[in-house]
C-alpha atoms as a PDB file:
ATOM      1  CA  MET A   1      -0.040  -0.001  -0.060  1.00  0.00           C
ATOM      2  CA  LYS A   2       1.476   3.393  -1.197  1.00  0.00           C
ATOM      3  CA  LEU A   3       0.731   6.664   0.585  1.00  0.00           C
ATOM      4  CA  ILE A   4       1.564  10.221  -0.639  1.00  0.00           C
ATOM      5  CA  LEU A   5       1.212  13.120   1.920  1.00  0.00           C
ATOM      6  CA  LEU A   6      -0.134  15.823  -0.303  1.00  0.00           C
ATOM      7  CA  GLY A   7      -0.696  18.277   2.422  1.00  0.00           C
ATOM      8  CA  THR A   8       0.001  18.099   6.106  1.00  0.00           C
ATOM      9  CA  ALA A   9      -1.112  21.566   7.397  1.00  0.00           C
ATOM     10  CA  ALA A  10      -4.538  22.366   9.036  1.00  0.00           C
ATOM     11  CA  GLY A  11      -7.208  24.700   7.458  1.00  0.00           C
ATOM     12  CA  GLY A  12      -5.540  27.722   5.891  1.00  0.00           C
ATOM     13  CA  GLY A  13      -2.148  26.130   5.254  1.00  0.00           C
ATOM     14  CA  PHE A  14       1.292  27.287   6.279  1.00  0.00           C
ATOM     15  CA  PRO A  15       1.801  30.155   6.341  1.00  0.00           C
ATOM     16  CA  GLN A  16      -1.723  31.287   6.726  1.00  0.00           C
ATOM     17  CA  TRP A  17      -2.779  34.204   4.552  1.00  0.00           C
ATOM     18  CA  ASN A  18      -4.081  36.324   7.308  1.00  0.00           C
ATOM     19  CA  CYS A  19      -1.527  35.369   9.894  1.00  0.00           C
ATOM     20  CA  ALA A  20       1.638  37.287  11.124  1.00  0.00           C
ATOM     21  CA  CYS A  21       2.556  34.895  13.993  1.00  0.00           C
ATOM     22  CA  ALA A  22       6.277  34.119  14.417  1.00  0.00           C
ATOM     23  CA  LEU A  23       5.964  30.904  12.582  1.00  0.00           C
ATOM     24  CA  CYS A  24       4.244  32.312   9.650  1.00  0.00           C
ATOM     25  CA  LEU A  25       6.632  35.152   9.380  1.00  0.00           C
ATOM     26  CA  GLY A  26       9.457  32.444   9.358  1.00  0.00           C
ATOM     27  CA  ALA A  27       7.740  30.627   6.566  1.00  0.00           C
ATOM     28  CA  ARG A  28       7.378  34.030   4.599  1.00  0.00           C
ATOM     29  CA  ARG A  29      11.254  34.560   5.000  1.00  0.00           C
ATOM     30  CA  GLY A  30      12.010  31.057   3.649  1.00  0.00           C
ATOM     31  CA  ALA A  31      13.369  29.669   7.160  1.00  0.00           C
ATOM     32  CA  LEU A  32      10.624  27.266   7.467  1.00  0.00           C
ATOM     33  CA  PRO A  33       9.217  25.139   4.837  1.00  0.00           C
ATOM     34  CA  PRO A  34       5.561  25.923   3.550  1.00  0.00           C
ATOM     35  CA  ARG A  35       2.783  23.324   3.851  1.00  0.00           C
ATOM     36  CA  SER A  36      -0.504  23.016   2.071  1.00  0.00           C
ATOM     37  CA  GLN A  37      -3.776  21.887   3.635  1.00  0.00           C
ATOM     38  CA  GLU A  38      -4.011  18.253   4.825  1.00  0.00           C
ATOM     39  CA  CYS A  39      -4.846  15.471   2.342  1.00  0.00           C
ATOM     40  CA  VAL A  40      -3.382  12.064   1.625  1.00  0.00           C
ATOM     41  CA  ALA A  41      -3.360   9.882  -1.491  1.00  0.00           C
ATOM     42  CA  ILE A  42      -3.412   6.207  -1.217  1.00  0.00           C
ATOM     43  CA  SER A  43      -3.300   3.087  -3.434  1.00  0.00           C
ATOM     44  CA  GLY A  44      -3.019  -0.591  -3.269  1.00  0.00           C
ATOM     45  CA  ASN A  45      -1.736  -1.160  -6.697  1.00  0.00           C
ATOM     46  CA  SER A  46      -0.295   2.155  -7.668  1.00  0.00           C
ATOM     47  CA  ARG A  47      -2.861   2.444 -10.393  1.00  0.00           C
ATOM     48  CA  ASP A  48      -6.196   3.168  -8.555  1.00  0.00           C
ATOM     49  CA  TRP A  49      -5.682   6.063  -6.218  1.00  0.00           C
ATOM     50  CA  TRP A  50      -8.032   7.266  -3.527  1.00  0.00           C
ATOM     51  CA  LEU A  51      -7.961  10.658  -1.781  1.00  0.00           C
ATOM     52  CA  LEU A  52      -8.259  10.892   2.018  1.00  0.00           C
ATOM     53  CA  ASN A  53      -9.988  14.174   2.370  1.00  0.00           C
ATOM     54  CA  ALA A  54     -10.096  16.849  -0.341  1.00  0.00           C
ATOM     55  CA  SER A  55      -8.426  20.019   0.667  1.00  0.00           C
ATOM     56  CA  PRO A  56      -8.814  23.461  -0.987  1.00  0.00           C
ATOM     57  CA  ASP A  57      -5.253  23.034  -2.298  1.00  0.00           C
ATOM     58  CA  ILE A  58      -6.014  19.870  -4.293  1.00  0.00           C
ATOM     59  CA  ARG A  59      -5.332  21.379  -7.665  1.00  0.00           C
ATOM     60  CA  ALA A  60      -1.849  22.258  -6.890  1.00  0.00           C
ATOM     61  CA  GLN A  61      -1.432  18.817  -4.905  1.00  0.00           C
ATOM     62  CA  LEU A  62      -2.561  16.891  -7.896  1.00  0.00           C
ATOM     63  CA  LEU A  63      -0.319  18.634 -10.412  1.00  0.00           C
ATOM     64  CA  ALA A  64       2.718  18.362  -8.164  1.00  0.00           C
ATOM     65  CA  THR A  65       2.372  14.377  -7.858  1.00  0.00           C
ATOM     66  CA  PRO A  66       3.371  12.361 -10.980  1.00  0.00           C
ATOM     67  CA  ASP A  67       1.231   9.226  -9.758  1.00  0.00           C
ATOM     68  CA  LEU A  68      -1.826  11.387  -9.926  1.00  0.00           C
ATOM     69  CA  ARG A  69      -1.621  13.045 -13.274  1.00  0.00           C
ATOM     70  CA  PRO A  70      -4.237  12.437 -15.947  1.00  0.00           C
ATOM     71  CA  GLY A  71      -3.885   9.913 -18.869  1.00  0.00           C
ATOM     72  CA  PRO A  72      -3.485   8.017 -20.931  1.00  0.00           C
ATOM     73  CA  GLY A  73      -6.650   9.387 -22.449  1.00  0.00           C
ATOM     74  CA  PRO A  74      -7.378  13.117 -22.680  1.00  0.00           C
ATOM     75  CA  ARG A  75      -9.779  12.991 -19.620  1.00  0.00           C
ATOM     76  CA  ASP A  76      -8.580   9.790 -17.861  1.00  0.00           C
ATOM     77  CA  THR A  77      -7.499  10.073 -14.083  1.00  0.00           C
ATOM     78  CA  PRO A  78      -6.191   7.451 -11.730  1.00  0.00           C
ATOM     79  CA  VAL A  79      -8.196   9.171  -9.028  1.00  0.00           C
ATOM     80  CA  ARG A  80     -11.178   6.924  -8.310  1.00  0.00           C
ATOM     81  CA  GLY A  81     -12.665   8.987  -5.469  1.00  0.00           C
ATOM     82  CA  VAL A  82     -12.628  10.613  -1.990  1.00  0.00           C
ATOM     83  CA  LEU A  83     -12.876   9.223   1.515  1.00  0.00           C
ATOM     84  CA  LEU A  84     -14.044  12.170   3.970  1.00  0.00           C
ATOM     85  CA  THR A  85     -13.237  11.892   7.490  1.00  0.00           C
ATOM     86  CA  ASP A  86     -15.567  14.747   8.271  1.00  0.00           C
ATOM     87  CA  GLY A  87     -17.628  17.686   6.622  1.00  0.00           C
ATOM     88  CA  GLU A  88     -15.259  20.456   7.554  1.00  0.00           C
ATOM     89  CA  VAL A  89     -14.702  22.988   4.820  1.00  0.00           C
ATOM     90  CA  ASP A  90     -10.842  22.410   4.750  1.00  0.00           C
ATOM     91  CA  HIS A  91     -11.728  18.777   3.991  1.00  0.00           C
ATOM     92  CA  THR A  92     -14.482  19.210   1.280  1.00  0.00           C
ATOM     93  CA  LEU A  93     -14.059  22.211  -0.816  1.00  0.00           C
ATOM     94  CA  GLY A  94     -11.428  20.469  -2.837  1.00  0.00           C
ATOM     95  CA  LEU A  95     -14.449  18.470  -4.352  1.00  0.00           C
ATOM     96  CA  THR A  96     -15.379  21.389  -6.335  1.00  0.00           C
ATOM     97  CA  THR A  97     -12.037  21.657  -8.100  1.00  0.00           C
ATOM     98  CA  MET A  98     -12.562  18.024  -9.215  1.00  0.00           C
ATOM     99  CA  ARG A  99     -15.947  18.757 -10.856  1.00  0.00           C
ATOM    100  CA  GLY A 100     -16.528  17.210 -14.301  1.00  0.00           C
ATOM    101  CA  ALA A 101     -14.582  14.109 -13.520  1.00  0.00           C
ATOM    102  CA  ARG A 102     -17.143  11.424 -14.092  1.00  0.00           C
ATOM    103  CA  GLY A 103     -17.648   8.433 -12.028  1.00  0.00           C
ATOM    104  CA  LEU A 104     -15.926   9.406  -8.944  1.00  0.00           C
ATOM    105  CA  THR A 105     -17.265   7.965  -5.733  1.00  0.00           C
ATOM    106  CA  VAL A 106     -17.342   9.841  -2.352  1.00  0.00           C
ATOM    107  CA  TYR A 107     -17.501   8.011   0.979  1.00  0.00           C
ATOM    108  CA  ALA A 108     -18.618   9.884   4.091  1.00  0.00           C
ATOM    109  CA  PRO A 109     -20.469   9.419   7.329  1.00  0.00           C
ATOM    110  CA  PRO A 110     -24.465   9.924   6.854  1.00  0.00           C
ATOM    111  CA  PRO A 111     -24.563  13.268   8.797  1.00  0.00           C
ATOM    112  CA  VAL A 112     -21.671  14.662   6.470  1.00  0.00           C
ATOM    113  CA  LEU A 113     -23.562  13.359   3.286  1.00  0.00           C
ATOM    114  CA  GLY A 114     -26.651  15.152   4.568  1.00  0.00           C
ATOM    115  CA  ALA A 115     -24.800  18.350   5.272  1.00  0.00           C
ATOM    116  CA  LEU A 116     -23.223  18.296   1.788  1.00  0.00           C
ATOM    117  CA  GLY A 117     -26.567  18.062   0.389  1.00  0.00           C
ATOM    118  CA  ALA A 118     -28.238  21.163   2.352  1.00  0.00           C
ATOM    119  CA  GLY A 119     -25.846  23.188   4.882  1.00  0.00           C
ATOM    120  CA  LEU A 120     -23.039  23.129   2.285  1.00  0.00           C
ATOM    121  CA  PRO A 121     -24.835  21.988  -0.758  1.00  0.00           C
ATOM    122  CA  LEU A 122     -21.964  20.622  -2.735  1.00  0.00           C
ATOM    123  CA  ARG A 123     -23.620  17.396  -3.801  1.00  0.00           C
ATOM    124  CA  GLY A 124     -26.130  18.875  -6.227  1.00  0.00           C
ATOM    125  CA  LEU A 125     -23.722  21.390  -7.724  1.00  0.00           C
ATOM    126  CA  LEU A 126     -21.164  18.482  -8.330  1.00  0.00           C
ATOM    127  CA  ASP A 127     -23.678  16.125  -9.732  1.00  0.00           C
ATOM    128  CA  ARG A 128     -24.705  18.811 -12.437  1.00  0.00           C
ATOM    129  CA  TYR A 129     -21.146  18.591 -13.806  1.00  0.00           C
ATOM    130  CA  GLY A 130     -20.745  14.782 -13.944  1.00  0.00           C
ATOM    131  CA  PRO A 131     -22.691  12.146 -11.844  1.00  0.00           C
ATOM    132  CA  TRP A 132     -20.927  10.864  -8.876  1.00  0.00           C
ATOM    133  CA  THR A 133     -21.666   8.092  -6.542  1.00  0.00           C
ATOM    134  CA  TRP A 134     -22.137   9.194  -2.615  1.00  0.00           C
ATOM    135  CA  ARG A 135     -21.802   6.199  -0.158  1.00  0.00           C
ATOM    136  CA  ASP A 136     -22.046   5.809   3.425  1.00  0.00           C
ATOM    137  CA  SER A 137     -18.604   5.307   4.848  1.00  0.00           C
ATOM    138  CA  THR A 138     -20.001   3.637   8.185  1.00  0.00           C
ATOM    139  CA  VAL A 139     -21.565   0.675   6.852  1.00  0.00           C
ATOM    140  CA  PRO A 140     -21.051  -2.505   9.050  1.00  0.00           C
ATOM    141  CA  GLY A 141     -18.003  -4.572   8.001  1.00  0.00           C
ATOM    142  CA  GLY A 142     -16.621  -1.856   5.967  1.00  0.00           C
ATOM    143  CA  PHE A 143     -16.205  -1.735   2.315  1.00  0.00           C
ATOM    144  CA  GLU A 144     -13.596  -2.272  -0.555  1.00  0.00           C
ATOM    145  CA  LEU A 145     -11.871   0.018  -2.816  1.00  0.00           C
ATOM    146  CA  ALA A 146     -10.654  -0.556  -6.391  1.00  0.00           C
ATOM    147  CA  GLY A 147      -6.934  -1.308  -6.038  1.00  0.00           C
ATOM    148  CA  GLY A 148      -7.140  -4.118  -3.365  1.00  0.00           C
ATOM    149  CA  LEU A 149      -7.923  -2.047  -0.216  1.00  0.00           C
ATOM    150  CA  ARG A 150     -10.455  -2.634   2.531  1.00  0.00           C
ATOM    151  CA  VAL A 151     -11.715   0.402   4.721  1.00  0.00           C
ATOM    152  CA  VAL A 152     -13.680   0.340   8.041  1.00  0.00           C
ATOM    153  CA  ALA A 153     -14.779   3.765   9.493  1.00  0.00           C
ATOM    154  CA  GLN A 154     -14.932   4.204  13.170  1.00  0.00           C
ATOM    155  CA  PRO A 155     -16.708   7.264  14.435  1.00  0.00           C
ATOM    156  CA  VAL A 156     -14.448   9.450  16.846  1.00  0.00           C
ATOM    157  CA  SER A 157     -16.364  12.631  17.474  1.00  0.00           C
ATOM    158  CA  ALA A 158     -19.727  14.395  17.303  1.00  0.00           C
ATOM    159  CA  LYS A 159     -18.353  17.878  16.347  1.00  0.00           C
ATOM    160  CA  ALA A 160     -20.377  19.249  13.432  1.00  0.00           C
ATOM    161  CA  PRO A 161     -18.992  21.833  11.014  1.00  0.00           C
ATOM    162  CA  LYS A 162     -19.850  25.416  11.703  1.00  0.00           C
ATOM    163  CA  TYR A 163     -22.189  25.876   8.766  1.00  0.00           C
ATOM    164  CA  VAL A 164     -24.545  23.190  10.181  1.00  0.00           C
ATOM    165  CA  THR A 165     -26.899  24.946  12.493  1.00  0.00           C
ATOM    166  CA  ALA A 166     -29.032  22.093  13.939  1.00  0.00           C
ATOM    167  CA  ALA A 167     -26.631  19.154  14.432  1.00  0.00           C
ATOM    168  CA  SER A 168     -27.490  16.394  16.799  1.00  0.00           C
ATOM    169  CA  ILE A 169     -24.758  15.750  19.256  1.00  0.00           C
ATOM    170  CA  ASP A 170     -25.580  12.023  18.756  1.00  0.00           C
ATOM    171  CA  ASP A 171     -24.660  12.009  15.070  1.00  0.00           C
ATOM    172  CA  HIS A 172     -21.140  10.710  14.219  1.00  0.00           C
ATOM    173  CA  TRP A 173     -19.791  13.475  12.433  1.00  0.00           C
ATOM    174  CA  VAL A 174     -16.052  12.600  12.372  1.00  0.00           C
ATOM    175  CA  THR A 175     -14.656   9.295  11.848  1.00  0.00           C
ATOM    176  CA  ALA A 176     -11.014   7.561  11.572  1.00  0.00           C
ATOM    177  CA  PHE A 177     -10.348   5.161   8.903  1.00  0.00           C
ATOM    178  CA  ARG A 178      -8.489   1.766   9.227  1.00  0.00           C
ATOM    179  CA  ILE A 179      -7.476   1.028   5.590  1.00  0.00           C
ATOM    180  CA  GLU A 180      -6.088  -2.587   4.973  1.00  0.00           C
ATOM    181  CA  ASP A 181      -3.983  -3.752   1.938  1.00  0.00           C
ATOM    182  CA  LEU A 182      -5.739  -7.081   1.026  1.00  0.00           C
ATOM    183  CA  ALA A 183      -2.586  -8.539  -0.678  1.00  0.00           C
ATOM    184  CA  THR A 184      -0.357  -8.020   2.179  1.00  0.00           C
ATOM    185  CA  GLY A 185      -2.513  -7.624   5.192  1.00  0.00           C
ATOM    186  CA  SER A 186      -0.754  -4.214   6.261  1.00  0.00           C
ATOM    187  CA  ALA A 187      -3.049  -1.618   7.541  1.00  0.00           C
ATOM    188  CA  LEU A 188      -3.001   2.221   8.137  1.00  0.00           C
ATOM    189  CA  VAL A 189      -5.081   4.172  10.706  1.00  0.00           C
ATOM    190  CA  TYR A 190      -6.018   7.698   9.492  1.00  0.00           C
ATOM    191  CA  ALA A 191      -7.218   9.942  12.227  1.00  0.00           C
ATOM    192  CA  PRO A 192      -6.472  13.566  11.565  1.00  0.00           C
ATOM    193  CA  CYS A 193      -9.297  15.127  13.676  1.00  0.00           C
ATOM    194  CA  LEU A 194      -9.381  13.909  17.388  1.00  0.00           C
ATOM    195  CA  ALA A 195     -11.452  16.064  19.647  1.00  0.00           C
ATOM    196  CA  SER A 196     -10.744  13.431  22.480  1.00  0.00           C
ATOM    197  CA  TRP A 197      -9.106   9.887  22.555  1.00  0.00           C
ATOM    198  CA  PRO A 198     -12.299   7.849  22.019  1.00  0.00           C
ATOM    199  CA  ASN A 199     -12.969   4.173  23.132  1.00  0.00           C
ATOM    200  CA  GLY A 200     -11.695   1.567  20.589  1.00  0.00           C
ATOM    201  CA  LEU A 201      -9.033   3.857  18.996  1.00  0.00           C
ATOM    202  CA  ASP A 202      -6.317   1.979  21.045  1.00  0.00           C
ATOM    203  CA  GLU A 203      -7.684  -1.300  19.659  1.00  0.00           C
ATOM    204  CA  LEU A 204      -7.821   0.169  16.110  1.00  0.00           C
ATOM    205  CA  LEU A 205      -4.093   1.341  16.441  1.00  0.00           C
ATOM    206  CA  GLY A 206      -3.168  -2.030  17.829  1.00  0.00           C
ATOM    207  CA  SER A 207      -4.303  -3.637  14.481  1.00  0.00           C
ATOM    208  CA  ALA A 208      -2.180  -1.397  12.342  1.00  0.00           C
ATOM    209  CA  GLY A 209       1.501  -0.952  11.249  1.00  0.00           C
ATOM    210  CA  CYS A 210       1.179   2.948  10.651  1.00  0.00           C
ATOM    211  CA  ALA A 211      -0.931   5.639  11.947  1.00  0.00           C
ATOM    212  CA  LEU A 212      -1.666   9.388  10.765  1.00  0.00           C
ATOM    213  CA  VAL A 213      -2.791  11.105  13.734  1.00  0.00           C
ATOM    214  CA  ASP A 214      -4.242  14.616  14.643  1.00  0.00           C
ATOM    215  CA  GLY A 215      -1.253  17.064  15.561  1.00  0.00           C
ATOM    216  CA  THR A 216      -3.193  20.338  15.133  1.00  0.00           C
ATOM    217  CA  PHE A 217      -2.125  21.943  18.229  1.00  0.00           C
ATOM    218  CA  PHE A 218       0.912  21.203  20.359  1.00  0.00           C
ATOM    219  CA  SER A 219      -0.785  22.651  23.420  1.00  0.00           C
ATOM    220  CA  ALA A 220      -4.294  23.538  24.432  1.00  0.00           C
ATOM    221  CA  LYS A 221      -3.510  27.319  24.760  1.00  0.00           C
ATOM    222  CA  GLU A 222      -1.234  27.729  21.876  1.00  0.00           C
ATOM    223  CA  LEU A 223      -3.511  29.420  19.465  1.00  0.00           C
ATOM    224  CA  GLY A 224      -4.517  32.163  21.776  1.00  0.00           C
ATOM    225  CA  SER A 225      -0.755  32.840  22.784  1.00  0.00           C
ATOM    226  CA  ALA A 226       0.317  32.928  19.255  1.00  0.00           C
ATOM    227  CA  VAL A 227      -2.216  35.374  17.962  1.00  0.00           C
ATOM    228  CA  ARG A 228      -2.370  37.264  21.401  1.00  0.00           C
ATOM    229  CA  SER A 229      -5.983  36.638  21.738  1.00  0.00           C
ATOM    230  CA  PRO A 230      -7.775  37.938  24.585  1.00  0.00           C
ATOM    231  CA  ASP A 231      -9.128  34.513  25.141  1.00  0.00           C
ATOM    232  CA  SER A 232      -6.229  32.642  26.519  1.00  0.00           C
ATOM    233  CA  ASP A 233      -8.092  29.318  26.037  1.00  0.00           C
ATOM    234  CA  ALA A 234      -8.491  29.772  22.228  1.00  0.00           C
ATOM    235  CA  GLY A 235      -7.442  26.488  20.399  1.00  0.00           C
ATOM    236  CA  GLN A 236      -8.267  23.015  21.457  1.00  0.00           C
ATOM    237  CA  SER A 237     -11.055  23.638  23.508  1.00  0.00           C
ATOM    238  CA  LEU A 238     -12.854  25.850  20.869  1.00  0.00           C
ATOM    239  CA  MET A 239     -11.751  23.970  17.770  1.00  0.00           C
ATOM    240  CA  GLY A 240     -12.239  20.424  18.858  1.00  0.00           C
ATOM    241  CA  HIS A 241      -8.601  19.006  18.578  1.00  0.00           C
ATOM    242  CA  LEU A 242      -6.870  17.263  21.135  1.00  0.00           C
ATOM    243  CA  PRO A 243      -3.262  18.593  21.866  1.00  0.00           C
ATOM    244  CA  VAL A 244      -0.142  16.739  21.282  1.00  0.00           C
ATOM    245  CA  ALA A 245       1.457  17.647  24.767  1.00  0.00           C
ATOM    246  CA  GLY A 246       0.269  17.218  28.211  1.00  0.00           C
ATOM    247  CA  PRO A 247      -1.085  14.323  30.294  1.00  0.00           C
ATOM    248  CA  GLY A 248      -4.256  13.813  28.306  1.00  0.00           C
ATOM    249  CA  GLY A 249      -2.486  14.544  24.884  1.00  0.00           C
ATOM    250  CA  THR A 250      -2.058  12.407  21.871  1.00  0.00           C
ATOM    251  CA  LEU A 251       1.610  11.979  22.466  1.00  0.00           C
ATOM    252  CA  ALA A 252       1.137  10.221  25.954  1.00  0.00           C
ATOM    253  CA  ALA A 253      -1.593   8.052  24.346  1.00  0.00           C
ATOM    254  CA  LEU A 254       0.566   7.161  21.489  1.00  0.00           C
ATOM    255  CA  ALA A 255       3.295   5.925  23.892  1.00  0.00           C
ATOM    256  CA  ARG A 256       1.068   3.199  24.375  1.00  0.00           C
ATOM    257  CA  HIS A 257       1.912   1.916  20.903  1.00  0.00           C
ATOM    258  CA  PRO A 258       5.831   1.887  20.500  1.00  0.00           C
ATOM    259  CA  GLY A 259       5.798  -0.734  17.691  1.00  0.00           C
ATOM    260  CA  LEU A 260       3.336   1.402  15.481  1.00  0.00           C
ATOM    261  CA  ARG A 261       4.818   3.823  12.998  1.00  0.00           C
ATOM    262  CA  ARG A 262       3.210   7.278  14.176  1.00  0.00           C
ATOM    263  CA  ILE A 263       3.258  10.418  12.139  1.00  0.00           C
ATOM    264  CA  TYR A 264       1.584  13.593  13.036  1.00  0.00           C
ATOM    265  CA  THR A 265      -0.608  15.578  10.289  1.00  0.00           C
ATOM    266  CA  HIS A 266      -2.934  18.453  10.176  1.00  0.00           C
ATOM    267  CA  LEU A 267      -0.684  20.810  11.852  1.00  0.00           C
ATOM    268  CA  ASN A 268      -1.878  24.304  12.658  1.00  0.00           C
ATOM    269  CA  ASN A 269       0.092  27.400  11.471  1.00  0.00           C
ATOM    270  CA  THR A 270       0.816  28.105  15.317  1.00  0.00           C
ATOM    271  CA  ASN A 271       2.189  24.792  16.216  1.00  0.00           C
ATOM    272  CA  PRO A 272       5.804  24.692  17.071  1.00  0.00           C
ATOM    273  CA  LEU A 273       6.299  21.298  15.708  1.00  0.00           C
ATOM    274  CA  LEU A 274       6.430  23.082  12.239  1.00  0.00           C
ATOM    275  CA  ASP A 275       9.982  24.333  13.297  1.00  0.00           C
ATOM    276  CA  PRO A 276      12.570  21.533  13.144  1.00  0.00           C
ATOM    277  CA  SER A 277      14.841  23.187  15.595  1.00  0.00           C
ATOM    278  CA  SER A 278      11.942  23.819  18.324  1.00  0.00           C
ATOM    279  CA  SER A 279      12.041  21.900  21.799  1.00  0.00           C
ATOM    280  CA  ALA A 280       8.504  20.644  20.760  1.00  0.00           C
ATOM    281  CA  ARG A 281       9.902  18.929  17.755  1.00  0.00           C
ATOM    282  CA  ALA A 282      12.775  17.422  19.679  1.00  0.00           C
ATOM    283  CA  LEU A 283      10.254  16.062  22.254  1.00  0.00           C
ATOM    284  CA  VAL A 284       8.120  14.445  19.657  1.00  0.00           C
ATOM    285  CA  ALA A 285      11.148  13.044  17.933  1.00  0.00           C
ATOM    286  CA  GLN A 286      12.395  11.474  21.078  1.00  0.00           C
ATOM    287  CA  ALA A 287       9.052   9.843  21.632  1.00  0.00           C
ATOM    288  CA  GLY A 288       9.571   8.248  18.081  1.00  0.00           C
ATOM    289  CA  VAL A 289       6.564  10.203  16.305  1.00  0.00           C
ATOM    290  CA  GLU A 290       7.487  11.579  12.979  1.00  0.00           C
ATOM    291  CA  ILE A 291       6.639  14.998  11.314  1.00  0.00           C
ATOM    292  CA  LEU A 292       6.847  14.540   7.642  1.00  0.00           C
ATOM    293  CA  ALA A 293       7.057  17.139   4.669  1.00  0.00           C
ATOM    294  CA  ASP A 294       4.290  17.562   1.982  1.00  0.00           C
ATOM    295  CA  GLY A 295       4.991  15.223  -0.879  1.00  0.00           C
ATOM    296  CA  THR A 296       6.595  12.435   1.199  1.00  0.00           C
ATOM    297  CA  GLU A 297       5.923   9.056  -0.309  1.00  0.00           C
ATOM    298  CA  PHE A 298       6.079   5.715   1.646  1.00  0.00           C
ATOM    299  CA  THR A 299       4.709   2.143   1.911  1.00  0.00           C
ATOM    300  CA  VAL A 300       2.851   0.563   4.529  1.00  0.00           C
END
C-alpha cells in the first residue's frame, strides 16, 4: 500500500494568508518550509488512487504528484474517489475543483452526506457537472476499494462543522479510517481530527502498522498565545482538537503503541512542531513520532 502526503497543514495552510505569527513570518522569509492543507493519496496497486479528504489546495497537490496526473486518455484520471473523515470546509471544498470528473465515488458518514446536500450544498452542484456516487462510509463490516484496499470507518467525534446549524450531538460527524491492503494484510489508521481519545481507538491502532494522527495543536492554549488573543483558552477547547502535549494529549496516548509507525498531520500554523529546531519537535522525535514534509511518499 502506497501513501503520498499531499498536504500536512491544518485549515488555511502554512503560512496562513492572514496570520503574522512568528512561525508564519518565518515561513514567509524562507526559514521554514511551507505546507499545504491536509490531504493524503493512497493506493493498493499504484494505479487506482483514492484521496483521504479533499483540501482546497487539491489542484496544486494533484499537479505536483506524478502518480496522480491524468492519462492515458485526454480525460482519464487515476483518482477513483474521495474518503471524507468529516464535513469541515478544509476537507471538502477540494471536491469543487474535481467537478466534471465522471464516475468518482465519495464515501462519508451519513451526517456529512446530508450536510453536503443542504448546509454546504456541494452534492447537487457536483452532480450537475458529472454524476458521482455518494456512499455511507460507516456501513457495518466496511467496504472495499478498487486497487485492493478494505476500509472500516470508526466514529470518533460528534463535532459538526460550523455551517451546520441544527446538528444532533448523537450523530457521528467525524470518523477515523482503518485501511487494509488485502494483498499484504498491512494496515493504516488515519485519524486527522480527534476532539478526544475515544474508546476503541487503541484497539484500532493495535491492529495497524502505521497511523496518521491529529497533530493540530501542540498545546491547548497555543492558538490564543500565538495570535495574542484575549481568550487565553482559544485553540483546542474551541476547535475540537486534542493537543499533542500534556497528560491527556495524543503523545502520551501514542506512547502505548511503541511498535507502531506514528506520524502527526493536520498541523496548525501556530504549532511549534512546524519548526525543526524547536523543543517541541525534539520532544516528539524523542518519543518516536514523526513530522513529515508535504510530498513524502512511503509504503505500509
